[in-house]
Amino acid sequence: MTQHYPPQQGYPQQWGQPQGWPAPQQQAGWNQPQQSFGQPTWPQQSGGFQQQSPYGYPTQPGGFQQQPGGFQQPGQISPQQPKRRSPLGRMLVLLVMVAGLLLAGVVVANLLNGGAAGTSSSSDPQQTWTPPPPDMSPPGLPTPQTYSEATEWMQNNPFYDQSITIPTNCSQLQPADALAASESELNQHLLNLTSCLLQVWKVPVEAAGFEMPRPPATVYSQPIQTACGKLDSVNASYCGADQRIYYAKPLPKIFPKNLQAQKFLMEMVLGHEFGHAIQARTGISISSSAWEQRASTKAAANVFSRRLEVQADCFAGMWIQSVGESQGLSSADLDGLRTIAENLGDDMLSGEQNIDSGHGLGATRQRWFETGLSGSDKTLQCNTYTVPDSQVR
């Protein structure tokens, strides 16, 4: 698939590139960066996350606050004692006490055994997940006030100090044939898919102090007009202007014949796009785009674009690692997805070996996808903004 460079933006809009980021204007708040003109100076180490407040955003994770336990204070015992209890009354009291002790014993046994089989424990997020509906009017995206703050959001974002739950049981997500299913069937599948994605990512995003609404997702078969411009008939994209995900039904056909029916191909693509939604909601996207559009050369701009893209590949890998067991993905299925990641490289899609473009070479995209797929549960492993340029080439 050829990379497209629309004249109105000048940067690649092929699937994977988040759209809708305005160029940084010279206005109040956007001060000159502390670094020299062009790229920030990148540390050579990928670690070094510093614990700090999330740059002006609420420190309390939204939506998952614990409510009070609900245990009331015991009532006061009346100082007046009954004059006399009948033998029958004593027997009833004794029976009630025995029943209470038996019930307490059952509760304690269930707690020690992790809950009885077939029951749902309220403390188990895998059993109690109820997704919010797609947010048609989401809150505005966080925006840095200075270029130095943008650099901080890219390199030391509080999100990098979070982790995901592995494994996650996405029972609501069932297999779908991305080639044979109808558009309405795929739209329903997308609803289940965004629910599963949000189940994995909502907690760590909000634990970092940001908001994570559920993005609407749409399947289309013909070129479609979005808030970010027109998408061609073979594309997939996260649009930052309306915070929605778009997926073209014919997209699997861009791959070689032997990969078009690869299990979880569509889900992997949408996992990447949801990765861009995460970047948007944590301020990484707008920060990266601000520096990309300020870059003095196209080559320097491409480095920022590639950092954003391969990070989304890594997030997609982390999500698949989390839900792979519940989705019955075999080692052969995962190998197929690794090959898909390689085939999404700029060199593979363009046919130009070692091309300098905005998404990364096939080997690079595969390596970052593999980092998420086979790495730890820590989001820090996907920090592509503190590695040398060569690692995102």
Protein backbone atom coordinates (compact mmCIF):
# COMPACT_ATOMS: atom_id res chain seq x y z
CA MET A 1 0.00 0.00 0.00
CA THR A 2 1.47 3.34 -1.07
CA GLN A 3 2.10 6.03 1.51
CA HIS A 4 0.01 9.12 0.83
CA TYR A 5 1.06 12.69 1.51
CA PRO A 6 -2.02 14.94 1.31
CA PRO A 7 -0.97 18.51 0.46
CA GLN A 8 -3.00 20.00 3.31
CA GLN A 9 -0.90 18.28 5.99
CA GLY A 10 2.21 17.01 4.32
CA TYR A 11 2.61 13.90 6.44
CA PRO A 12 1.67 10.28 5.77
CA GLN A 13 -1.98 9.41 6.36
CA GLN A 14 -1.78 5.68 5.54
CA TRP A 15 -3.35 3.49 8.21
CA GLY A 16 -1.65 3.80 11.51
CA GLN A 17 -1.05 7.55 11.32
CA PRO A 18 -3.27 9.43 13.79
CA GLN A 19 -4.92 12.39 12.15
CA GLY A 20 -6.36 15.69 13.18
CA TRP A 21 -3.44 17.24 15.07
CA PRO A 22 -3.13 20.99 14.43
CA ALA A 23 0.23 22.55 13.82
CA PRO A 24 1.55 24.36 16.92
CA GLN A 25 0.64 27.99 16.60
CA GLN A 26 2.69 30.84 18.00
CA GLN A 27 0.16 31.71 20.66
CA ALA A 28 -0.03 32.18 24.39
CA GLY A 29 1.36 29.13 26.16
CA TRP A 30 3.47 27.73 23.34
CA ASN A 31 6.79 29.15 24.45
CA GLN A 32 10.06 28.49 22.75
CA PRO A 33 11.52 25.10 23.66
CA GLN A 34 14.47 24.84 25.98
CA GLN A 35 16.22 22.67 23.42
CA SER A 36 17.80 23.98 20.25
CA PHE A 37 15.58 24.27 17.17
CA GLY A 38 14.60 20.89 15.74
CA GLN A 39 14.59 17.65 17.68
CA PRO A 40 14.85 17.41 21.44
CA THR A 41 17.90 15.70 22.85
CA TRP A 42 17.04 12.03 23.39
CA PRO A 43 18.51 10.22 26.41
CA GLN A 44 20.25 6.98 25.55
CA GLN A 45 18.52 5.05 28.32
CA SER A 46 14.87 4.03 28.13
CA GLY A 47 14.36 3.94 31.89
CA GLY A 48 14.36 6.72 34.42
CA PHE A 49 10.64 7.37 34.90
CA GLN A 50 10.23 9.91 37.66
CA GLN A 51 7.19 9.81 39.91
CA GLN A 52 5.42 13.14 39.67
CA SER A 53 2.03 14.68 39.16
CA PRO A 54 0.59 14.13 35.67
CA TYR A 55 1.28 17.63 34.43
CA GLY A 56 -1.77 19.42 35.65
CA TYR A 57 -4.28 16.60 35.26
CA PRO A 58 -6.16 15.01 38.17
CA THR A 59 -4.04 12.64 40.21
CA GLN A 60 -7.06 10.50 41.09
CA PRO A 61 -7.88 7.88 38.48
CA GLY A 62 -11.35 8.61 37.15
CA GLY A 63 -14.16 6.11 37.33
CA PHE A 64 -12.58 3.50 39.56
CA GLN A 65 -12.75 5.11 42.98
CA GLN A 66 -13.59 2.82 45.87
CA GLN A 67 -16.89 3.50 47.60
CA PRO A 68 -17.28 3.26 51.38
CA GLY A 69 -17.73 -0.27 52.61
CA GLY A 70 -21.31 0.26 53.74
CA PHE A 71 -20.95 -1.36 57.17
CA GLN A 72 -23.09 0.50 59.62
CA GLN A 73 -22.29 1.08 63.26
CA PRO A 74 -23.90 -1.52 65.52
CA GLY A 75 -27.04 -0.31 67.23
CA GLN A 76 -27.16 0.61 70.90
CA ILE A 77 -28.30 -2.13 73.29
CA SER A 78 -31.32 -1.14 75.28
CA PRO A 79 -30.57 -0.88 78.97
CA GLN A 80 -33.92 -2.45 79.71
CA GLN A 81 -33.78 -6.22 79.92
CA PRO A 82 -36.81 -8.39 79.20
CA LYS A 83 -38.41 -9.69 82.33
CA ARG A 84 -38.43 -13.35 81.28
CA ARG A 85 -37.95 -15.47 78.12
CA SER A 86 -40.05 -18.52 77.45
CA PRO A 87 -38.32 -21.88 76.73
CA LEU A 88 -39.61 -21.68 73.14
CA GLY A 89 -38.08 -18.25 72.76
CA ARG A 90 -34.73 -19.49 74.02
CA MET A 91 -34.84 -22.33 71.48
CA LEU A 92 -35.57 -19.95 68.58
CA VAL A 93 -32.70 -17.67 69.59
CA LEU A 94 -30.36 -20.66 69.76
CA LEU A 95 -31.41 -21.85 66.28
CA VAL A 96 -30.85 -18.38 64.81
CA MET A 97 -27.37 -18.20 66.35
CA VAL A 98 -26.42 -21.62 64.95
CA ALA A 99 -27.68 -20.67 61.48
CA GLY A 100 -25.69 -17.44 61.65
CA LEU A 101 -22.52 -19.31 62.57
CA LEU A 102 -23.00 -21.76 59.70
CA LEU A 103 -23.54 -18.92 57.22
CA ALA A 104 -20.44 -17.11 58.48
CA GLY A 105 -18.45 -20.32 58.05
CA VAL A 106 -19.59 -20.66 54.44
CA VAL A 107 -18.64 -17.04 53.69
CA VAL A 108 -15.19 -17.45 55.23
CA ALA A 109 -14.61 -20.70 53.31
CA ASN A 110 -15.54 -19.02 50.03
CA LEU A 111 -13.21 -16.12 50.72
CA LEU A 112 -10.34 -18.47 51.49
CA ASN A 113 -11.01 -20.51 48.34
CA GLY A 114 -11.34 -17.47 46.05
CA GLY A 115 -15.16 -17.82 45.75
CA ALA A 116 -17.31 -20.82 44.95
CA ALA A 117 -17.27 -22.23 41.46
CA GLY A 118 -19.79 -20.57 39.19
CA THR A 119 -20.04 -17.39 41.28
CA SER A 120 -18.81 -13.93 40.40
CA SER A 121 -16.59 -12.17 42.90
CA SER A 122 -17.16 -8.42 43.05
CA SER A 123 -13.42 -7.93 43.63
CA ASP A 124 -12.54 -9.62 40.34
CA PRO A 125 -12.48 -7.01 37.54
CA GLN A 126 -12.55 -9.80 34.94
CA GLN A 127 -15.99 -10.91 36.21
CA THR A 128 -17.56 -7.50 36.80
CA TRP A 129 -16.48 -5.58 33.68
CA THR A 130 -19.33 -3.53 32.28
CA PRO A 131 -18.08 -1.31 29.45
CA PRO A 132 -19.36 2.24 29.11
CA PRO A 133 -21.06 3.01 25.78
CA PRO A 134 -19.02 4.60 22.99
CA ASP A 135 -18.56 8.27 23.88
CA MET A 136 -19.99 10.40 21.07
CA SER A 137 -18.99 13.65 22.82
CA PRO A 138 -15.70 12.84 24.55
CA PRO A 139 -13.82 15.36 26.70
CA GLY A 140 -11.14 17.40 24.99
CA LEU A 141 -7.67 15.97 24.55
CA PRO A 142 -4.94 17.12 26.95
CA THR A 143 -2.64 19.68 25.36
CA PRO A 144 0.83 20.72 26.57
CA GLN A 145 1.40 24.42 27.13
CA THR A 146 5.06 24.55 26.08
CA TYR A 147 7.43 22.58 23.88
CA SER A 148 9.45 21.53 26.92
CA GLU A 149 6.25 20.16 28.49
CA ALA A 150 5.52 18.34 25.23
CA THR A 151 8.94 16.71 25.46
CA GLU A 152 8.22 15.69 29.05
CA TRP A 153 4.90 14.13 28.04
CA MET A 154 6.59 12.10 25.33
CA GLN A 155 9.56 10.91 27.34
CA ASN A 156 8.39 10.74 30.99
CA ASN A 157 4.63 10.37 30.74
CA PRO A 158 2.94 9.05 33.92
CA PHE A 159 1.37 6.39 31.72
CA TYR A 160 4.79 4.72 31.42
CA ASP A 161 4.61 3.91 35.14
CA GLN A 162 1.52 1.74 34.71
CA SER A 163 0.88 -1.92 33.93
CA ILE A 164 -1.90 -4.01 32.40
CA THR A 165 -3.61 -7.18 33.62
CA ILE A 166 -2.23 -10.35 32.02
CA PRO A 167 -4.23 -12.42 31.29
CA THR A 168 -7.52 -10.58 30.70
CA ASN A 169 -10.64 -12.59 29.92
CA CYS A 170 -12.40 -10.80 27.05
CA SER A 171 -15.34 -13.18 26.90
CA GLN A 172 -17.43 -10.62 24.99
CA LEU A 173 -15.10 -10.85 21.98
CA GLN A 174 -15.88 -13.72 19.62
CA PRO A 175 -14.03 -14.70 16.40
CA ALA A 176 -15.07 -12.92 13.21
CA ASP A 177 -14.23 -13.57 9.56
CA ALA A 178 -12.99 -10.16 8.48
CA LEU A 179 -13.24 -11.14 4.79
CA ALA A 180 -16.63 -12.87 4.71
CA ALA A 181 -18.59 -11.00 7.41
CA SER A 182 -21.07 -8.33 6.38
CA GLU A 183 -20.51 -4.69 7.23
CA SER A 184 -23.20 -4.81 9.94
CA GLU A 185 -21.62 -7.93 11.44
CA LEU A 186 -18.24 -6.24 11.49
CA ASN A 187 -19.72 -3.15 13.15
CA GLN A 188 -21.07 -5.36 15.92
CA HIS A 189 -17.68 -7.04 16.15
CA LEU A 190 -16.07 -3.62 16.51
CA LEU A 191 -18.36 -2.84 19.45
CA ASN A 192 -17.17 -5.99 21.21
CA LEU A 193 -13.59 -5.27 20.20
CA THR A 194 -13.50 -1.74 21.62
CA SER A 195 -15.06 -3.12 24.80
CA CYS A 196 -12.22 -5.65 25.07
CA LEU A 197 -9.57 -3.02 24.32
CA LEU A 198 -11.00 -0.67 26.91
CA GLN A 199 -11.12 -3.50 29.46
CA VAL A 200 -7.33 -3.77 29.21
CA TRP A 201 -6.41 -0.08 28.86
CA LYS A 202 -8.91 1.99 30.85
CA VAL A 203 -7.43 1.25 34.28
CA PRO A 204 -3.77 2.09 33.47
CA VAL A 205 -4.68 5.26 31.55
CA GLU A 206 -6.85 6.54 34.39
CA ALA A 207 -4.35 5.42 37.02
CA ALA A 208 -1.92 7.80 35.31
CA GLY A 209 -4.35 10.66 35.90
CA PHE A 210 -5.94 10.88 32.44
CA GLU A 211 -9.40 10.12 31.05
CA MET A 212 -10.07 7.13 28.78
CA PRO A 213 -13.52 7.34 27.13
CA ARG A 214 -14.53 4.56 24.77
CA PRO A 215 -13.94 5.72 21.19
CA PRO A 216 -16.69 5.02 18.65
CA ALA A 217 -15.59 2.74 15.79
CA THR A 218 -17.01 2.52 12.28
CA VAL A 219 -16.63 0.00 9.44
CA TYR A 220 -16.89 1.38 5.91
CA SER A 221 -16.60 -0.06 2.39
CA GLN A 222 -16.30 3.08 0.26
CA PRO A 223 -14.17 6.21 0.71
CA ILE A 224 -15.49 8.10 3.71
CA GLN A 225 -15.35 11.73 4.83
CA THR A 226 -14.22 12.19 8.43
CA ALA A 227 -13.38 15.12 10.67
CA CYS A 228 -9.76 14.52 9.62
CA GLY A 229 -10.47 14.48 5.90
CA LYS A 230 -11.29 11.77 3.38
CA LEU A 231 -10.19 8.19 3.97
CA ASP A 232 -9.74 5.94 0.97
CA SER A 233 -11.45 2.57 0.64
CA VAL A 234 -8.48 0.56 1.98
CA ASN A 235 -7.49 2.19 5.23
CA ALA A 236 -7.81 2.22 8.98
CA SER A 237 -7.27 5.27 11.16
CA TYR A 238 -7.75 6.92 14.50
CA CYS A 239 -8.92 10.50 13.97
CA GLY A 240 -7.88 12.90 16.70
CA ALA A 241 -10.34 15.57 15.55
CA ASP A 242 -13.43 13.48 16.45
CA GLN A 243 -11.68 10.80 18.57
CA ARG A 244 -13.09 7.96 16.47
CA ILE A 245 -11.68 4.83 14.88
CA TYR A 246 -12.35 3.95 11.25
CA TYR A 247 -11.80 0.56 9.61
CA ALA A 248 -12.16 -0.28 5.91
CA LYS A 249 -13.77 -3.66 5.27
CA PRO A 250 -11.44 -4.50 2.32
CA LEU A 251 -8.27 -3.80 4.34
CA PRO A 252 -7.07 -7.45 4.62
CA LYS A 253 -6.65 -7.48 0.84
CA ILE A 254 -3.56 -5.28 1.04
CA PHE A 255 -1.67 -8.29 2.40
CA PRO A 256 -0.33 -11.28 0.47
CA LYS A 257 -2.93 -13.97 -0.21
CA ASN A 258 -1.51 -16.32 2.40
CA LEU A 259 -1.97 -13.67 5.13
CA GLN A 260 -5.42 -12.30 4.29
CA ALA A 261 -7.26 -14.90 6.36
CA GLN A 262 -4.81 -14.68 9.27
CA LYS A 263 -6.63 -15.10 12.57
CA PHE A 264 -6.86 -11.87 14.58
CA LEU A 265 -5.56 -9.69 11.70
CA MET A 266 -8.43 -7.21 11.95
CA GLU A 267 -8.14 -7.17 15.74
CA MET A 268 -4.41 -6.48 15.56
CA VAL A 269 -4.99 -3.53 13.22
CA LEU A 270 -7.62 -2.10 15.57
CA GLY A 271 -5.33 -2.75 18.53
CA HIS A 272 -2.81 -0.48 16.83
CA GLU A 273 -5.43 2.21 16.20
CA PHE A 274 -6.59 2.00 19.81
CA GLY A 275 -2.94 2.52 20.70
CA HIS A 276 -3.22 5.89 18.98
CA ALA A 277 -6.32 6.61 21.08
CA ILE A 278 -4.24 5.92 24.18
CA GLN A 279 -1.54 8.28 22.91
CA ALA A 280 -4.17 10.93 22.30
CA ARG A 281 -5.75 10.62 25.73
CA THR A 282 -2.35 10.78 27.49
CA GLY A 283 -1.06 13.78 25.52
CA ILE A 284 1.64 11.84 23.71
CA SER A 285 0.15 12.28 20.23
CA ILE A 286 -0.31 16.04 20.29
CA SER A 287 3.12 16.48 21.85
CA SER A 288 4.79 14.32 19.21
CA SER A 289 2.87 16.01 16.41
CA ALA A 290 3.86 19.45 17.67
CA TRP A 291 7.55 18.55 17.48
CA GLU A 292 7.08 16.71 14.19
CA GLN A 293 5.57 19.73 12.49
CA ARG A 294 8.27 21.98 13.96
CA ALA A 295 11.10 19.80 12.64
CA SER A 296 13.46 21.59 10.28
CA THR A 297 13.64 18.73 7.74
CA LYS A 298 11.34 16.01 6.47
CA ALA A 299 13.80 13.37 7.70
CA ALA A 300 13.66 14.79 11.23
CA ALA A 301 9.86 14.91 11.08
CA ASN A 302 9.76 11.26 10.02
CA VAL A 303 11.60 10.26 13.20
CA PHE A 304 8.77 11.67 15.35
CA SER A 305 6.16 9.98 13.19
CA ARG A 306 7.95 6.64 13.46
CA ARG A 307 8.27 6.92 17.26
CA LEU A 308 4.50 7.38 17.44
CA GLU A 309 3.75 4.51 15.05
CA VAL A 310 5.98 1.83 16.52
CA GLN A 311 4.77 2.72 20.01
CA ALA A 312 1.23 1.92 18.82
CA ASP A 313 2.60 -1.38 17.46
CA CYS A 314 3.99 -2.13 20.92
CA PHE A 315 0.67 -1.30 22.59
CA ALA A 316 -1.10 -3.63 20.15
CA GLY A 317 1.33 -6.40 21.10
CA MET A 318 0.72 -5.83 24.81
CA TRP A 319 -3.04 -6.04 24.32
CA ILE A 320 -2.77 -9.28 22.32
CA GLN A 321 -0.52 -10.76 24.99
CA SER A 322 -3.19 -9.92 27.56
CA VAL A 323 -6.22 -11.35 25.71
CA GLY A 324 -4.54 -14.05 23.61
CA GLU A 325 -5.38 -16.87 26.00
CA SER A 326 -9.09 -16.01 26.16
CA GLN A 327 -9.15 -15.73 22.36
CA GLY A 328 -7.52 -19.11 21.84
CA LEU A 329 -4.52 -17.75 19.94
CA SER A 330 -1.96 -20.48 19.28
CA SER A 331 1.79 -20.02 18.83
CA ALA A 332 1.21 -20.40 15.08
CA ASP A 333 -1.41 -17.62 15.20
CA LEU A 334 1.04 -15.34 17.00
CA ASP A 335 3.73 -16.10 14.43
CA GLY A 336 1.26 -15.06 11.74
CA LEU A 337 0.65 -11.76 13.50
CA ARG A 338 4.38 -11.15 13.71
CA THR A 339 4.50 -11.56 9.94
CA ILE A 340 1.59 -9.13 9.59
CA ALA A 341 3.56 -6.54 11.59
CA GLU A 342 6.54 -6.96 9.29
CA ASN A 343 4.35 -6.58 6.20
CA LEU A 344 3.12 -3.20 7.46
CA GLY A 345 6.61 -1.71 7.17
CA ASP A 346 7.19 1.24 4.85
CA ASP A 347 9.60 -0.85 2.81
CA MET A 348 7.15 -3.74 2.45
CA LEU A 349 4.21 -1.53 1.44
CA SER A 350 6.16 0.71 -0.91
CA GLY A 351 8.54 -1.87 -2.39
CA GLU A 352 11.45 0.52 -1.68
CA GLN A 353 14.15 -1.04 0.44
CA ASN A 354 15.38 1.14 3.33
CA ILE A 355 12.89 3.91 2.53
CA ASP A 356 12.90 6.88 4.92
CA SER A 357 9.22 7.40 5.72
CA GLY A 358 6.82 7.87 8.62
CA HIS A 359 5.94 4.39 9.89
CA GLY A 360 9.13 2.37 10.14
CA LEU A 361 10.69 -0.51 8.26
CA GLY A 362 9.09 -3.93 8.47
CA ALA A 363 11.77 -5.37 10.74
CA THR A 364 11.41 -2.40 13.10
CA ARG A 365 7.63 -2.62 13.31
CA GLN A 366 7.86 -6.34 13.93
CA ARG A 367 10.44 -5.82 16.69
CA TRP A 368 8.30 -3.30 18.59
CA PHE A 369 5.18 -5.45 18.17
CA GLU A 370 7.20 -8.37 19.55
CA THR A 371 8.31 -6.22 22.51
CA GLY A 372 4.69 -5.76 23.53
CA LEU A 373 3.64 -9.30 22.65
CA SER A 374 6.35 -11.13 24.57
CA GLY A 375 7.48 -8.57 27.11
CA SER A 376 6.25 -7.68 30.58
CA ASP A 377 3.01 -6.12 31.76
CA LYS A 378 4.73 -2.71 32.09
CA THR A 379 3.86 0.06 29.64
CA LEU A 380 7.36 1.51 30.09
CA GLN A 381 8.69 -1.09 27.64
CA CYS A 382 6.79 0.79 24.90
CA ASN A 383 8.49 4.13 25.56
CA THR A 384 9.83 4.77 22.06
CA TYR A 385 10.72 8.39 22.83
CA THR A 386 13.86 7.70 24.86
CA VAL A 387 15.61 5.31 22.46
CA PRO A 388 18.09 6.30 19.72
CA ASP A 389 16.70 7.22 16.30
CA SER A 390 18.15 4.03 14.87
CA GLN A 391 15.81 1.89 16.99
CA VAL A 392 12.72 3.36 15.34
CA ARG A 393 14.12 3.39 11.80
